[in-house]
Amino acid sequence: MERKKKRPQQIDLAAEQLHIQWQDGHQSCFDLEQLRRDCPCATCRSLRGEPGIQTEPAPEPGELSLLSDTAASATAAASGFDYVGRYGLRINWADGHNYGIYTFEALRLRDED
């Protein structure tokens, strides 16, 4: 039952939200802006300064870090999504970014917080 709980029955992408109807009957609604801000790809995690993730050289002490072109043009508008195996989905953002995989387990846990 625990595994089934973490699988979606239906996913709908609206203009500003991602709606998931889970197999156990639970419903989740996620704000696209927040999902984009929390993109799980390595580049976005690095830009957020998450520990253990670094794709670009860190600035020297006293130097300012600049936003990359990717971060500066980020948008919360989504053009669609694709399933990634049986464990997650990849949101296709309108600016072309689609590297982050949002696992169903992480989405469900996020909704239970």
Protein backbone atom coordinates (compact mmCIF):
# COMPACT_ATOMS: atom_id res chain seq x y z
CA MET A 1 0.00 0.00 0.00
CA GLU A 2 2.82 2.46 0.83
CA ARG A 3 4.28 2.13 -2.67
CA LYS A 4 0.89 2.53 -4.33
CA LYS A 5 0.27 5.71 -2.32
CA LYS A 6 3.22 7.37 -4.05
CA ARG A 7 1.98 6.73 -7.58
CA PRO A 8 -0.23 9.18 -9.41
CA GLN A 9 -3.48 8.13 -10.99
CA GLN A 10 -3.86 11.35 -12.97
CA ILE A 11 -1.70 14.44 -13.55
CA ASP A 12 -3.02 17.71 -14.92
CA LEU A 13 -0.92 20.74 -15.77
CA ALA A 14 -2.80 24.04 -15.52
CA ALA A 15 -1.57 27.58 -16.22
CA GLU A 16 -0.13 28.09 -12.75
CA GLN A 17 -0.43 24.72 -11.00
CA LEU A 18 0.32 21.03 -11.27
CA HIS A 19 -2.51 18.84 -9.98
CA ILE A 20 -1.96 15.20 -8.99
CA GLN A 21 -4.65 12.69 -8.10
CA TRP A 22 -2.86 9.87 -6.27
CA GLN A 23 -3.94 6.23 -6.44
CA ASP A 24 -4.87 6.26 -2.75
CA GLY A 25 -7.34 9.12 -3.36
CA HIS A 26 -5.15 11.93 -2.01
CA GLN A 27 -5.06 15.10 -4.13
CA SER A 28 -2.10 17.46 -4.41
CA CYS A 29 -1.83 20.88 -5.99
CA PHE A 30 1.61 22.42 -6.57
CA ASP A 31 2.37 26.01 -7.53
CA LEU A 32 4.46 26.03 -10.73
CA GLU A 33 6.47 29.03 -9.62
CA GLN A 34 7.55 27.20 -6.46
CA LEU A 35 8.32 24.00 -8.40
CA ARG A 36 10.53 25.97 -10.79
CA ARG A 37 12.25 27.73 -7.90
CA ASP A 38 12.95 24.30 -6.37
CA CYS A 39 14.06 22.63 -9.63
CA PRO A 40 15.98 19.47 -8.67
CA CYS A 41 18.52 19.56 -11.52
CA ALA A 42 22.22 19.93 -10.63
CA THR A 43 22.54 23.37 -12.22
CA CYS A 44 19.62 24.87 -10.29
CA ARG A 45 20.71 23.19 -7.07
CA SER A 46 24.16 24.71 -7.56
CA LEU A 47 22.68 28.16 -8.14
CA ARG A 48 20.74 27.80 -4.89
CA GLY A 49 24.00 26.95 -3.12
CA GLU A 50 22.96 23.50 -1.95
CA PRO A 51 25.83 21.68 -0.22
CA GLY A 52 27.72 19.10 -2.23
CA ILE A 53 26.48 20.40 -5.59
CA GLN A 54 28.68 22.61 -7.72
CA THR A 55 28.68 22.84 -11.48
CA GLU A 56 30.41 26.21 -11.84
CA PRO A 57 33.53 27.49 -10.09
CA ALA A 58 32.77 29.17 -6.78
CA PRO A 59 33.57 32.88 -6.65
CA GLU A 60 36.74 33.90 -4.85
CA PRO A 61 36.21 35.38 -1.38
CA GLY A 62 35.02 38.96 -1.75
CA GLU A 63 33.83 38.47 -5.36
CA LEU A 64 30.20 38.69 -6.34
CA SER A 65 28.56 35.67 -7.92
CA LEU A 66 26.55 36.53 -11.02
CA LEU A 67 23.37 34.91 -12.20
CA SER A 68 23.88 32.70 -15.21
CA ASP A 69 21.87 33.34 -18.37
CA THR A 70 19.79 30.28 -17.44
CA ALA A 71 18.88 31.64 -14.03
CA ALA A 72 18.18 35.13 -15.34
CA SER A 73 15.72 33.88 -17.97
CA ALA A 74 13.95 31.31 -15.78
CA THR A 75 10.19 31.21 -16.13
CA ALA A 76 7.46 29.46 -14.19
CA ALA A 77 5.37 28.94 -17.33
CA ALA A 78 5.24 25.27 -18.33
CA SER A 79 4.52 23.93 -21.80
CA GLY A 80 4.00 20.31 -20.72
CA PHE A 81 5.53 17.38 -18.90
CA ASP A 82 6.92 13.92 -19.61
CA TYR A 83 6.90 10.84 -17.43
CA VAL A 84 10.31 9.58 -16.38
CA GLY A 85 9.95 5.85 -15.97
CA ARG A 86 7.48 4.93 -13.25
CA TYR A 87 9.05 7.15 -10.63
CA GLY A 88 8.76 10.78 -11.69
CA LEU A 89 8.12 13.49 -14.22
CA ARG A 90 10.06 16.13 -16.08
CA ILE A 91 8.38 19.50 -16.50
CA ASN A 92 9.05 21.24 -19.80
CA TRP A 93 9.38 24.90 -18.87
CA ALA A 94 8.54 27.53 -21.50
CA ASP A 95 12.14 28.81 -21.53
CA GLY A 96 13.39 25.38 -22.65
CA HIS A 97 14.68 24.20 -19.28
CA ASN A 98 13.65 20.59 -18.60
CA TYR A 99 16.53 18.96 -16.75
CA GLY A 100 15.00 18.44 -13.32
CA ILE A 101 13.26 15.18 -12.48
CA TYR A 102 10.52 15.58 -9.89
CA THR A 103 10.13 12.16 -8.30
CA PHE A 104 6.64 11.11 -7.24
CA GLU A 105 7.97 10.25 -3.81
CA ALA A 106 9.45 13.74 -3.33
CA LEU A 107 6.26 15.41 -4.59
CA ARG A 108 4.12 13.39 -2.21
CA LEU A 109 6.43 14.11 0.72
CA ARG A 110 6.40 17.79 -0.18
CA ASP A 111 2.61 17.80 0.03
CA GLU A 112 2.62 16.08 3.42
CA ASP A 113 4.84 18.71 5.06
